Amino acid sequence: MVAYILRRLLGILPVLLIGLTFTFFIIHLAPGDPTTRFMDPSMDPALKEKIAERFGLNDPLHLQYFLWLKQVIFHFDFGNSFNSGRLASVIVFDALIPTILVTGLSLLFGLILGVLGGIFSAINHGNRVDKIITSVMLFFFSMPAFWLGMMLLGLFSIKLDWLPSSQLTSIFHDQLNIFGRISDYAKHLILPVLALGLSSTATFGRFIRSSMIEAMGSDYVMAAEARGISRGRIIIHYGFRNALIPLVTLIGFTIPVLFSGAVVIEVIFSLPGMGRVMVSAVLGRDYPVILAASTCAFLSVLAGNLLADIFYGIVDPRIQVNHEVR
């Protein structure tokens, strides 16, 4: 298993390097100049050159790239933010924690609800329960997360005033006890997690339903029924277990989708996460922060694929054996 993981990690490095290289050149070649936000019409034009020299923007683009890549590889240093002067990696890391929290809870919520819904739909295939569950899943599957977030915000925060509309904590969060703080976090996270998680619920549910319907109609299930094995055991050990292996792959692909969706949801609910940081960095042409945030986005995609490979190998050891044979 260790050798299997190391092979996957080595395969990630060139993909990450190519992605970062494209991002660097696309950002620097895009229209706009970061120095203009520090300029005033009454200022001396020579000051612009000094500002560009201070940010290292006067060097040829290829030289900027190699200097930046050297700092990233050997020191994991993306440079200092043009706007605040803080390390870009620190800014992104501080914003990454709320994003991971929202993404993780949304994945857990979507996985649990989607698997349960898919199982109930599959075992009631063709009847009214199946049609109702399928219709609900199709509704949320076709609904954009940002639109659902705005609808939830308008209904439960503005109209009914049941849940907070923004931020991760309330103003008096620090004055609450431990249980009050947990409750405060939960109230602020309900709507973002619902908005982001319901779409993944539909994805997991529809996948589990189709996989289990196919498995439950197979010959080995009919043989198990003929041997007198209980219905519950057939559903879990023959139906759901056969759908588990491809489900692991789907989870790996869903992680980066949720991560990118969380960026939009955070903007809607004003959460202090990657969404706010990336939007501010793009509008301010803050190259170091944009590149640090883009690296996190690349890593989320690669980490999702890596986790899928690892768990796929755990669930089905034949994958590792076949790889060794080849």
C-alpha atoms as a PDB file:
ATOM      1  CA  MET A   1       0.000   0.000   0.000  1.00  0.00           C
ATOM      2  CA  VAL A   2       2.868   2.421   0.785  1.00  0.00           C
ATOM      3  CA  ALA A   3       4.458   1.859  -2.641  1.00  0.00           C
ATOM      4  CA  TYR A   4       1.024   2.293  -4.246  1.00  0.00           C
ATOM      5  CA  ILE A   5       0.556   5.683  -2.529  1.00  0.00           C
ATOM      6  CA  LEU A   6       4.079   6.830  -3.397  1.00  0.00           C
ATOM      7  CA  ARG A   7       3.494   6.065  -7.075  1.00  0.00           C
ATOM      8  CA  ARG A   8       0.343   8.159  -7.018  1.00  0.00           C
ATOM      9  CA  LEU A   9       2.146  11.037  -5.267  1.00  0.00           C
ATOM     10  CA  LEU A  10       4.949  11.021  -7.831  1.00  0.00           C
ATOM     11  CA  GLY A  11       2.373  11.127 -10.600  1.00  0.00           C
ATOM     12  CA  ILE A  12       0.775  14.228  -9.055  1.00  0.00           C
ATOM     13  CA  LEU A  13       3.926  16.386  -9.126  1.00  0.00           C
ATOM     14  CA  PRO A  14       4.205  16.955 -12.907  1.00  0.00           C
ATOM     15  CA  VAL A  15       0.467  17.628 -13.176  1.00  0.00           C
ATOM     16  CA  LEU A  16       0.698  20.227 -10.396  1.00  0.00           C
ATOM     17  CA  LEU A  17       3.726  21.864 -12.024  1.00  0.00           C
ATOM     18  CA  ILE A  18       1.993  22.139 -15.403  1.00  0.00           C
ATOM     19  CA  GLY A  19      -1.148  23.601 -13.806  1.00  0.00           C
ATOM     20  CA  LEU A  20       0.803  26.202 -11.833  1.00  0.00           C
ATOM     21  CA  THR A  21       2.848  27.166 -14.892  1.00  0.00           C
ATOM     22  CA  PHE A  22      -0.252  27.799 -16.992  1.00  0.00           C
ATOM     23  CA  THR A  23      -1.852  29.759 -14.148  1.00  0.00           C
ATOM     24  CA  PHE A  24       1.221  31.948 -13.683  1.00  0.00           C
ATOM     25  CA  PHE A  25       1.470  32.967 -17.330  1.00  0.00           C
ATOM     26  CA  ILE A  26      -2.285  33.411 -17.832  1.00  0.00           C
ATOM     27  CA  ILE A  27      -2.534  35.719 -14.828  1.00  0.00           C
ATOM     28  CA  HIS A  28       0.491  37.815 -15.803  1.00  0.00           C
ATOM     29  CA  LEU A  29      -0.564  38.087 -19.442  1.00  0.00           C
ATOM     30  CA  ALA A  30      -4.128  39.126 -18.588  1.00  0.00           C
ATOM     31  CA  PRO A  31      -5.045  42.791 -19.103  1.00  0.00           C
ATOM     32  CA  GLY A  32      -4.466  45.095 -16.140  1.00  0.00           C
ATOM     33  CA  ASP A  33      -1.584  46.363 -14.075  1.00  0.00           C
ATOM     34  CA  PRO A  34      -1.365  45.815 -10.287  1.00  0.00           C
ATOM     35  CA  THR A  35       0.559  49.050  -9.849  1.00  0.00           C
ATOM     36  CA  THR A  36      -2.319  51.244 -11.044  1.00  0.00           C
ATOM     37  CA  ARG A  37      -4.226  50.806  -7.775  1.00  0.00           C
ATOM     38  CA  PHE A  38      -1.385  52.610  -5.967  1.00  0.00           C
ATOM     39  CA  MET A  39      -1.211  55.455  -8.465  1.00  0.00           C
ATOM     40  CA  ASP A  40      -2.849  58.854  -8.447  1.00  0.00           C
ATOM     41  CA  PRO A  41      -3.105  61.188 -11.484  1.00  0.00           C
ATOM     42  CA  SER A  42      -1.024  63.777  -9.638  1.00  0.00           C
ATOM     43  CA  MET A  43       1.822  61.339  -8.888  1.00  0.00           C
ATOM     44  CA  ASP A  44       5.126  61.280 -10.731  1.00  0.00           C
ATOM     45  CA  PRO A  45       5.056  58.596 -13.499  1.00  0.00           C
ATOM     46  CA  ALA A  46       8.497  57.492 -12.356  1.00  0.00           C
ATOM     47  CA  LEU A  47       6.880  56.280  -9.139  1.00  0.00           C
ATOM     48  CA  LYS A  48       5.093  53.574 -11.109  1.00  0.00           C
ATOM     49  CA  GLU A  49       8.445  52.125 -12.131  1.00  0.00           C
ATOM     50  CA  LYS A  50       9.582  52.080  -8.522  1.00  0.00           C
ATOM     51  CA  ILE A  51       6.402  50.301  -7.442  1.00  0.00           C
ATOM     52  CA  ALA A  52       6.789  47.744 -10.222  1.00  0.00           C
ATOM     53  CA  GLU A  53      10.416  47.211  -9.208  1.00  0.00           C
ATOM     54  CA  ARG A  54       9.335  46.761  -5.584  1.00  0.00           C
ATOM     55  CA  PHE A  55       6.916  43.987  -6.624  1.00  0.00           C
ATOM     56  CA  GLY A  56       9.425  42.412  -9.012  1.00  0.00           C
ATOM     57  CA  LEU A  57       7.319  43.183 -12.082  1.00  0.00           C
ATOM     58  CA  ASN A  58      10.082  44.881 -14.067  1.00  0.00           C
ATOM     59  CA  ASP A  59      11.942  41.646 -14.782  1.00  0.00           C
ATOM     60  CA  PRO A  60      11.222  39.633 -17.938  1.00  0.00           C
ATOM     61  CA  LEU A  61       8.262  37.324 -17.488  1.00  0.00           C
ATOM     62  CA  HIS A  62      10.279  34.124 -17.788  1.00  0.00           C
ATOM     63  CA  LEU A  63      12.700  35.367 -15.117  1.00  0.00           C
ATOM     64  CA  GLN A  64       9.784  36.248 -12.830  1.00  0.00           C
ATOM     65  CA  TYR A  65       8.463  32.737 -13.348  1.00  0.00           C
ATOM     66  CA  PHE A  66      11.703  30.937 -12.463  1.00  0.00           C
ATOM     67  CA  LEU A  67      12.290  33.119  -9.399  1.00  0.00           C
ATOM     68  CA  TRP A  68       8.727  32.520  -8.235  1.00  0.00           C
ATOM     69  CA  LEU A  69       8.940  28.769  -8.895  1.00  0.00           C
ATOM     70  CA  LYS A  70      12.212  28.550  -6.950  1.00  0.00           C
ATOM     71  CA  GLN A  71      10.627  30.251  -3.940  1.00  0.00           C
ATOM     72  CA  VAL A  72       7.568  27.994  -4.097  1.00  0.00           C
ATOM     73  CA  ILE A  73       9.490  24.722  -4.442  1.00  0.00           C
ATOM     74  CA  PHE A  74      12.212  25.347  -1.862  1.00  0.00           C
ATOM     75  CA  HIS A  75      10.433  27.609   0.626  1.00  0.00           C
ATOM     76  CA  PHE A  76       6.712  27.251  -0.202  1.00  0.00           C
ATOM     77  CA  ASP A  77       6.727  31.038  -0.439  1.00  0.00           C
ATOM     78  CA  PHE A  78       4.295  32.605  -2.905  1.00  0.00           C
ATOM     79  CA  GLY A  79       5.435  36.111  -2.031  1.00  0.00           C
ATOM     80  CA  ASN A  80       3.746  38.921  -0.154  1.00  0.00           C
ATOM     81  CA  SER A  81       0.315  40.249  -0.989  1.00  0.00           C
ATOM     82  CA  PHE A  82       0.378  43.429  -3.069  1.00  0.00           C
ATOM     83  CA  ASN A  83      -2.565  44.784  -1.071  1.00  0.00           C
ATOM     84  CA  SER A  84      -1.848  43.940   2.574  1.00  0.00           C
ATOM     85  CA  GLY A  85       1.833  43.028   2.579  1.00  0.00           C
ATOM     86  CA  ARG A  86       1.138  39.759   4.404  1.00  0.00           C
ATOM     87  CA  LEU A  87       2.455  36.438   3.157  1.00  0.00           C
ATOM     88  CA  ALA A  88       0.098  35.122   0.496  1.00  0.00           C
ATOM     89  CA  SER A  89       0.381  31.580   1.884  1.00  0.00           C
ATOM     90  CA  VAL A  90      -0.722  32.795   5.339  1.00  0.00           C
ATOM     91  CA  ILE A  91      -3.711  34.662   3.873  1.00  0.00           C
ATOM     92  CA  VAL A  92      -4.824  31.603   1.933  1.00  0.00           C
ATOM     93  CA  PHE A  93      -4.238  29.232   4.855  1.00  0.00           C
ATOM     94  CA  ASP A  94      -6.375  31.381   7.186  1.00  0.00           C
ATOM     95  CA  ALA A  95      -9.160  31.395   4.604  1.00  0.00           C
ATOM     96  CA  LEU A  96      -8.769  27.692   3.842  1.00  0.00           C
ATOM     97  CA  ILE A  97     -10.025  26.488   7.234  1.00  0.00           C
ATOM     98  CA  PRO A  98     -13.628  27.788   6.811  1.00  0.00           C
ATOM     99  CA  THR A  99     -13.676  26.464   3.245  1.00  0.00           C
ATOM    100  CA  ILE A 100     -12.565  22.989   4.345  1.00  0.00           C
ATOM    101  CA  LEU A 101     -15.201  23.084   7.096  1.00  0.00           C
ATOM    102  CA  VAL A 102     -18.016  23.968   4.685  1.00  0.00           C
ATOM    103  CA  THR A 103     -16.789  21.525   2.029  1.00  0.00           C
ATOM    104  CA  GLY A 104     -16.302  18.653   4.491  1.00  0.00           C
ATOM    105  CA  LEU A 105     -19.703  19.064   6.127  1.00  0.00           C
ATOM    106  CA  SER A 106     -21.387  19.380   2.723  1.00  0.00           C
ATOM    107  CA  LEU A 107     -19.702  16.189   1.524  1.00  0.00           C
ATOM    108  CA  LEU A 108     -20.701  14.304   4.677  1.00  0.00           C
ATOM    109  CA  PHE A 109     -24.275  15.584   4.497  1.00  0.00           C
ATOM    110  CA  GLY A 110     -24.598  14.806   0.798  1.00  0.00           C
ATOM    111  CA  LEU A 111     -23.053  11.363   1.160  1.00  0.00           C
ATOM    112  CA  ILE A 112     -25.248  10.216   4.059  1.00  0.00           C
ATOM    113  CA  LEU A 113     -28.500  11.600   2.671  1.00  0.00           C
ATOM    114  CA  GLY A 114     -27.691  10.574  -0.895  1.00  0.00           C
ATOM    115  CA  VAL A 115     -26.767   6.984  -0.001  1.00  0.00           C
ATOM    116  CA  LEU A 116     -29.884   6.536   2.134  1.00  0.00           C
ATOM    117  CA  GLY A 117     -32.101   8.065  -0.536  1.00  0.00           C
ATOM    118  CA  GLY A 118     -30.515   5.953  -3.257  1.00  0.00           C
ATOM    119  CA  ILE A 119     -30.963   2.736  -1.261  1.00  0.00           C
ATOM    120  CA  PHE A 120     -34.625   3.436  -0.454  1.00  0.00           C
ATOM    121  CA  SER A 121     -35.268   4.372  -4.080  1.00  0.00           C
ATOM    122  CA  ALA A 122     -33.586   1.194  -5.359  1.00  0.00           C
ATOM    123  CA  ILE A 123     -35.403  -1.222  -3.042  1.00  0.00           C
ATOM    124  CA  ASN A 124     -38.714   0.435  -3.980  1.00  0.00           C
ATOM    125  CA  HIS A 125     -37.889   0.471  -7.685  1.00  0.00           C
ATOM    126  CA  GLY A 126     -40.902   1.323  -9.825  1.00  0.00           C
ATOM    127  CA  ASN A 127     -43.375   2.242  -7.096  1.00  0.00           C
ATOM    128  CA  ARG A 128     -44.516   5.619  -5.743  1.00  0.00           C
ATOM    129  CA  VAL A 129     -41.685   5.966  -3.202  1.00  0.00           C
ATOM    130  CA  ASP A 130     -39.108   5.521  -5.957  1.00  0.00           C
ATOM    131  CA  LYS A 131     -40.791   8.118  -8.164  1.00  0.00           C
ATOM    132  CA  ILE A 132     -40.987  10.680  -5.350  1.00  0.00           C
ATOM    133  CA  ILE A 133     -37.341  10.231  -4.304  1.00  0.00           C
ATOM    134  CA  THR A 134     -36.160  10.271  -7.918  1.00  0.00           C
ATOM    135  CA  SER A 135     -38.105  13.466  -8.654  1.00  0.00           C
ATOM    136  CA  VAL A 136     -36.689  15.217  -5.586  1.00  0.00           C
ATOM    137  CA  MET A 137     -33.138  14.150  -6.452  1.00  0.00           C
ATOM    138  CA  LEU A 138     -33.555  15.278 -10.051  1.00  0.00           C
ATOM    139  CA  PHE A 139     -34.847  18.646  -8.838  1.00  0.00           C
ATOM    140  CA  PHE A 140     -31.791  19.304  -6.673  1.00  0.00           C
ATOM    141  CA  PHE A 141     -29.438  17.811  -9.253  1.00  0.00           C
ATOM    142  CA  SER A 142     -30.562  20.359 -11.856  1.00  0.00           C
ATOM    143  CA  MET A 143     -30.515  23.305  -9.436  1.00  0.00           C
ATOM    144  CA  PRO A 144     -27.333  25.455  -9.305  1.00  0.00           C
ATOM    145  CA  ALA A 145     -25.882  25.688  -5.803  1.00  0.00           C
ATOM    146  CA  PHE A 146     -25.603  29.485  -5.919  1.00  0.00           C
ATOM    147  CA  TRP A 147     -29.295  29.855  -6.871  1.00  0.00           C
ATOM    148  CA  LEU A 148     -30.346  27.468  -4.106  1.00  0.00           C
ATOM    149  CA  GLY A 149     -28.175  29.411  -1.674  1.00  0.00           C
ATOM    150  CA  MET A 150     -29.896  32.673  -2.549  1.00  0.00           C
ATOM    151  CA  MET A 151     -33.337  31.071  -2.222  1.00  0.00           C
ATOM    152  CA  LEU A 152     -32.465  29.615   1.192  1.00  0.00           C
ATOM    153  CA  LEU A 153     -31.021  32.956   2.248  1.00  0.00           C
ATOM    154  CA  GLY A 154     -34.127  34.838   1.197  1.00  0.00           C
ATOM    155  CA  LEU A 155     -36.527  32.378   2.851  1.00  0.00           C
ATOM    156  CA  PHE A 156     -34.896  31.363   6.135  1.00  0.00           C
ATOM    157  CA  SER A 157     -32.827  34.469   6.870  1.00  0.00           C
ATOM    158  CA  ILE A 158     -34.684  37.435   5.403  1.00  0.00           C
ATOM    159  CA  LYS A 159     -38.334  36.371   5.352  1.00  0.00           C
ATOM    160  CA  LEU A 160     -38.576  33.990   8.337  1.00  0.00           C
ATOM    161  CA  ASP A 161     -35.531  35.278  10.258  1.00  0.00           C
ATOM    162  CA  TRP A 162     -34.757  31.789  11.575  1.00  0.00           C
ATOM    163  CA  LEU A 163     -31.062  31.561  10.688  1.00  0.00           C
ATOM    164  CA  PRO A 164     -28.155  34.016  10.275  1.00  0.00           C
ATOM    165  CA  SER A 165     -27.586  35.374   6.807  1.00  0.00           C
ATOM    166  CA  SER A 166     -23.814  35.900   6.847  1.00  0.00           C
ATOM    167  CA  GLN A 167     -20.473  35.314   8.548  1.00  0.00           C
ATOM    168  CA  LEU A 168     -19.290  32.240  10.411  1.00  0.00           C
ATOM    169  CA  THR A 169     -20.001  33.514  13.940  1.00  0.00           C
ATOM    170  CA  SER A 170     -22.156  36.125  15.633  1.00  0.00           C
ATOM    171  CA  ILE A 171     -20.878  39.348  17.196  1.00  0.00           C
ATOM    172  CA  PHE A 172     -20.986  37.969  20.748  1.00  0.00           C
ATOM    173  CA  HIS A 173     -19.477  34.589  19.864  1.00  0.00           C
ATOM    174  CA  ASP A 174     -16.442  35.014  22.155  1.00  0.00           C
ATOM    175  CA  GLN A 175     -18.682  35.663  25.170  1.00  0.00           C
ATOM    176  CA  LEU A 176     -20.530  32.336  24.818  1.00  0.00           C
ATOM    177  CA  ASN A 177     -19.637  29.090  26.574  1.00  0.00           C
ATOM    178  CA  ILE A 178     -18.389  26.060  24.657  1.00  0.00           C
ATOM    179  CA  PHE A 179     -21.878  24.731  23.918  1.00  0.00           C
ATOM    180  CA  GLY A 180     -23.080  28.177  22.904  1.00  0.00           C
ATOM    181  CA  ARG A 181     -20.171  28.546  20.498  1.00  0.00           C
ATOM    182  CA  ILE A 182     -20.874  25.175  18.902  1.00  0.00           C
ATOM    183  CA  SER A 183     -24.526  26.137  18.529  1.00  0.00           C
ATOM    184  CA  ASP A 184     -23.512  29.477  17.042  1.00  0.00           C
ATOM    185  CA  TYR A 185     -21.257  27.784  14.481  1.00  0.00           C
ATOM    186  CA  ALA A 186     -24.037  25.328  13.617  1.00  0.00           C
ATOM    187  CA  LYS A 187     -26.610  28.079  13.002  1.00  0.00           C
ATOM    188  CA  HIS A 188     -24.272  29.914  10.646  1.00  0.00           C
ATOM    189  CA  LEU A 189     -23.293  26.749   8.762  1.00  0.00           C
ATOM    190  CA  ILE A 190     -26.750  25.249   8.184  1.00  0.00           C
ATOM    191  CA  LEU A 191     -27.675  27.287   5.106  1.00  0.00           C
ATOM    192  CA  PRO A 192     -24.264  27.118   3.339  1.00  0.00           C
ATOM    193  CA  VAL A 193     -24.018  23.367   3.941  1.00  0.00           C
ATOM    194  CA  LEU A 194     -27.578  22.826   2.712  1.00  0.00           C
ATOM    195  CA  ALA A 195     -26.996  24.915  -0.415  1.00  0.00           C
ATOM    196  CA  LEU A 196     -23.775  23.101  -1.272  1.00  0.00           C
ATOM    197  CA  GLY A 197     -24.660  19.630  -0.015  1.00  0.00           C
ATOM    198  CA  LEU A 198     -28.062  19.113  -1.629  1.00  0.00           C
ATOM    199  CA  SER A 199     -26.591  19.027  -5.133  1.00  0.00           C
ATOM    200  CA  SER A 200     -24.090  16.341  -4.097  1.00  0.00           C
ATOM    201  CA  THR A 201     -26.929  14.489  -2.348  1.00  0.00           C
ATOM    202  CA  ALA A 202     -28.682  14.167  -5.687  1.00  0.00           C
ATOM    203  CA  THR A 203     -25.452  13.053  -7.385  1.00  0.00           C
ATOM    204  CA  PHE A 204     -24.741  10.305  -4.847  1.00  0.00           C
ATOM    205  CA  GLY A 205     -28.396   9.271  -4.627  1.00  0.00           C
ATOM    206  CA  ARG A 206     -28.917   8.830  -8.370  1.00  0.00           C
ATOM    207  CA  PHE A 207     -25.652   6.912  -8.661  1.00  0.00           C
ATOM    208  CA  ILE A 208     -26.442   4.543  -5.775  1.00  0.00           C
ATOM    209  CA  ARG A 209     -29.946   3.971  -7.119  1.00  0.00           C
ATOM    210  CA  SER A 210     -28.819   2.947 -10.608  1.00  0.00           C
ATOM    211  CA  SER A 211     -25.934   0.807  -9.301  1.00  0.00           C
ATOM    212  CA  MET A 212     -28.102  -1.033  -6.793  1.00  0.00           C
ATOM    213  CA  ILE A 213     -30.925  -1.638  -9.270  1.00  0.00           C
ATOM    214  CA  GLU A 214     -28.397  -3.242 -11.598  1.00  0.00           C
ATOM    215  CA  ALA A 215     -26.870  -5.295  -8.764  1.00  0.00           C
ATOM    216  CA  MET A 216     -30.229  -6.417  -7.349  1.00  0.00           C
ATOM    217  CA  GLY A 217     -31.244  -7.784 -10.750  1.00  0.00           C
ATOM    218  CA  SER A 218     -28.085  -9.852 -11.189  1.00  0.00           C
ATOM    219  CA  ASP A 219     -27.841 -13.643 -11.108  1.00  0.00           C
ATOM    220  CA  TYR A 220     -25.879 -13.817  -7.857  1.00  0.00           C
ATOM    221  CA  VAL A 221     -28.626 -11.914  -6.017  1.00  0.00           C
ATOM    222  CA  MET A 222     -31.228 -14.331  -7.367  1.00  0.00           C
ATOM    223  CA  ALA A 223     -29.018 -17.205  -6.183  1.00  0.00           C
ATOM    224  CA  ALA A 224     -28.712 -15.604  -2.740  1.00  0.00           C
ATOM    225  CA  GLU A 225     -32.505 -15.248  -2.521  1.00  0.00           C
ATOM    226  CA  ALA A 226     -32.870 -18.900  -3.516  1.00  0.00           C
ATOM    227  CA  ARG A 227     -30.546 -19.901  -0.670  1.00  0.00           C
ATOM    228  CA  GLY A 228     -32.851 -18.133   1.790  1.00  0.00           C
ATOM    229  CA  ILE A 229     -30.563 -15.223   2.684  1.00  0.00           C
ATOM    230  CA  SER A 230     -32.477 -12.381   4.342  1.00  0.00           C
ATOM    231  CA  ARG A 231     -33.555  -9.368   2.302  1.00  0.00           C
ATOM    232  CA  GLY A 232     -31.617  -6.920   4.487  1.00  0.00           C
ATOM    233  CA  ARG A 233     -28.375  -8.856   4.109  1.00  0.00           C
ATOM    234  CA  ILE A 234     -28.821  -9.080   0.339  1.00  0.00           C
ATOM    235  CA  ILE A 235     -29.331  -5.309   0.120  1.00  0.00           C
ATOM    236  CA  ILE A 236     -26.218  -4.497   2.188  1.00  0.00           C
ATOM    237  CA  HIS A 237     -23.798  -7.270   1.193  1.00  0.00           C
ATOM    238  CA  TYR A 238     -24.777  -7.752  -2.444  1.00  0.00           C
ATOM    239  CA  GLY A 239     -26.435  -4.531  -3.539  1.00  0.00           C
ATOM    240  CA  PHE A 240     -24.723  -1.699  -1.660  1.00  0.00           C
ATOM    241  CA  ARG A 241     -21.327  -3.411  -1.423  1.00  0.00           C
ATOM    242  CA  ASN A 242     -21.103  -3.741  -5.209  1.00  0.00           C
ATOM    243  CA  ALA A 243     -21.990  -0.060  -5.594  1.00  0.00           C
ATOM    244  CA  LEU A 244     -19.372   0.962  -3.017  1.00  0.00           C
ATOM    245  CA  ILE A 245     -16.288   0.626  -5.231  1.00  0.00           C
ATOM    246  CA  PRO A 246     -17.379   3.048  -8.002  1.00  0.00           C
ATOM    247  CA  LEU A 247     -18.907   5.286  -5.299  1.00  0.00           C
ATOM    248  CA  VAL A 248     -15.410   5.846  -3.912  1.00  0.00           C
ATOM    249  CA  THR A 249     -14.314   7.178  -7.302  1.00  0.00           C
ATOM    250  CA  LEU A 250     -17.351   9.457  -7.432  1.00  0.00           C
ATOM    251  CA  ILE A 251     -16.474  10.878  -3.993  1.00  0.00           C
ATOM    252  CA  GLY A 252     -12.979  11.691  -5.238  1.00  0.00           C
ATOM    253  CA  PHE A 253     -14.386  13.585  -8.221  1.00  0.00           C
ATOM    254  CA  THR A 254     -16.953  15.372  -6.033  1.00  0.00           C
ATOM    255  CA  ILE A 255     -14.413  16.868  -3.606  1.00  0.00           C
ATOM    256  CA  PRO A 256     -12.972  19.449  -6.061  1.00  0.00           C
ATOM    257  CA  VAL A 257     -16.475  20.230  -7.334  1.00  0.00           C
ATOM    258  CA  LEU A 258     -17.603  21.011  -3.794  1.00  0.00           C
ATOM    259  CA  PHE A 259     -14.440  23.016  -3.184  1.00  0.00           C
ATOM    260  CA  SER A 260     -15.080  25.215  -6.209  1.00  0.00           C
ATOM    261  CA  GLY A 261     -18.767  25.476  -5.294  1.00  0.00           C
ATOM    262  CA  ALA A 262     -17.836  26.541  -1.770  1.00  0.00           C
ATOM    263  CA  VAL A 263     -16.027  29.565  -3.220  1.00  0.00           C
ATOM    264  CA  VAL A 264     -19.306  30.877  -4.680  1.00  0.00           C
ATOM    265  CA  ILE A 265     -21.365  29.932  -1.621  1.00  0.00           C
ATOM    266  CA  GLU A 266     -18.934  31.790   0.638  1.00  0.00           C
ATOM    267  CA  VAL A 267     -19.420  34.957  -1.373  1.00  0.00           C
ATOM    268  CA  ILE A 268     -23.214  34.636  -1.095  1.00  0.00           C
ATOM    269  CA  PHE A 269     -23.129  34.084   2.684  1.00  0.00           C
ATOM    270  CA  SER A 270     -20.136  36.400   3.316  1.00  0.00           C
ATOM    271  CA  LEU A 271     -18.076  33.649   4.900  1.00  0.00           C
ATOM    272  CA  PRO A 272     -14.388  34.368   5.642  1.00  0.00           C
ATOM    273  CA  GLY A 273     -13.130  31.648   3.322  1.00  0.00           C
ATOM    274  CA  MET A 274     -11.422  31.163  -0.012  1.00  0.00           C
ATOM    275  CA  GLY A 275     -14.296  32.753  -1.904  1.00  0.00           C
ATOM    276  CA  ARG A 276     -13.798  36.180  -0.391  1.00  0.00           C
ATOM    277  CA  VAL A 277     -10.006  35.949  -0.702  1.00  0.00           C
ATOM    278  CA  MET A 278     -10.069  34.903  -4.355  1.00  0.00           C
ATOM    279  CA  VAL A 279     -12.612  37.530  -5.399  1.00  0.00           C
ATOM    280  CA  SER A 280     -10.666  40.293  -3.631  1.00  0.00           C
ATOM    281  CA  ALA A 281      -7.378  39.078  -5.104  1.00  0.00           C
ATOM    282  CA  VAL A 282      -8.747  38.955  -8.656  1.00  0.00           C
ATOM    283  CA  LEU A 283     -10.337  42.399  -8.431  1.00  0.00           C
ATOM    284  CA  GLY A 284      -7.136  43.845  -6.961  1.00  0.00           C
ATOM    285  CA  ARG A 285      -4.836  41.885  -9.342  1.00  0.00           C
ATOM    286  CA  ASP A 286      -3.013  40.534  -6.326  1.00  0.00           C
ATOM    287  CA  TYR A 287      -0.817  38.019  -8.159  1.00  0.00           C
ATOM    288  CA  PRO A 288       0.763  36.270  -5.136  1.00  0.00           C
ATOM    289  CA  VAL A 289      -2.606  35.607  -3.494  1.00  0.00           C
ATOM    290  CA  ILE A 290      -4.174  34.497  -6.776  1.00  0.00           C
ATOM    291  CA  LEU A 291      -1.367  32.006  -7.351  1.00  0.00           C
ATOM    292  CA  ALA A 292      -1.491  30.707  -3.780  1.00  0.00           C
ATOM    293  CA  ALA A 293      -5.260  30.270  -4.002  1.00  0.00           C
ATOM    294  CA  SER A 294      -4.959  28.599  -7.412  1.00  0.00           C
ATOM    295  CA  THR A 295      -2.450  26.167  -5.939  1.00  0.00           C
ATOM    296  CA  CYS A 296      -4.987  25.202  -3.283  1.00  0.00           C
ATOM    297  CA  ALA A 297      -7.599  24.669  -5.984  1.00  0.00           C
ATOM    298  CA  PHE A 298      -5.227  22.430  -7.964  1.00  0.00           C
ATOM    299  CA  LEU A 299      -4.325  20.521  -4.809  1.00  0.00           C
ATOM    300  CA  SER A 300      -7.993  19.936  -3.988  1.00  0.00           C
ATOM    301  CA  VAL A 301      -8.516  18.329  -7.407  1.00  0.00           C
ATOM    302  CA  LEU A 302      -5.374  16.222  -7.132  1.00  0.00           C
ATOM    303  CA  ALA A 303      -6.095  15.304  -3.506  1.00  0.00           C
ATOM    304  CA  GLY A 304      -9.580  14.160  -4.451  1.00  0.00           C
ATOM    305  CA  ASN A 305      -8.203  11.916  -7.174  1.00  0.00           C
ATOM    306  CA  LEU A 306      -5.465  10.625  -4.878  1.00  0.00           C
ATOM    307  CA  LEU A 307      -7.923   9.786  -2.096  1.00  0.00           C
ATOM    308  CA  ALA A 308     -10.136   8.024  -4.622  1.00  0.00           C
ATOM    309  CA  ASP A 309      -7.168   5.935  -5.786  1.00  0.00           C
ATOM    310  CA  ILE A 310      -6.149   5.097  -2.216  1.00  0.00           C
ATOM    311  CA  PHE A 311      -9.617   4.095  -1.031  1.00  0.00           C
ATOM    312  CA  TYR A 312     -10.231   2.300  -4.312  1.00  0.00           C
ATOM    313  CA  GLY A 313      -7.141   0.238  -3.581  1.00  0.00           C
ATOM    314  CA  ILE A 314      -8.333  -0.452  -0.029  1.00  0.00           C
ATOM    315  CA  VAL A 315     -11.820  -1.502  -1.092  1.00  0.00           C
ATOM    316  CA  ASP A 316     -10.570  -3.567  -4.041  1.00  0.00           C
ATOM    317  CA  PRO A 317      -6.989  -4.867  -3.420  1.00  0.00           C
ATOM    318  CA  ARG A 318      -6.982  -6.416  -6.902  1.00  0.00           C
ATOM    319  CA  ILE A 319      -6.122  -2.978  -8.284  1.00  0.00           C
ATOM    320  CA  GLN A 320      -2.765  -2.989  -6.511  1.00  0.00           C
ATOM    321  CA  VAL A 321      -2.112  -6.596  -7.512  1.00  0.00           C
ATOM    322  CA  ASN A 322      -2.906  -5.894 -11.166  1.00  0.00           C
ATOM    323  CA  HIS A 323      -0.637  -2.865 -11.114  1.00  0.00           C
ATOM    324  CA  GLU A 324       2.226  -4.954  -9.741  1.00  0.00           C
ATOM    325  CA  VAL A 325       1.666  -7.600 -12.426  1.00  0.00           C
ATOM    326  CA  ARG A 326       1.858  -4.966 -15.168  1.00  0.00           C
END
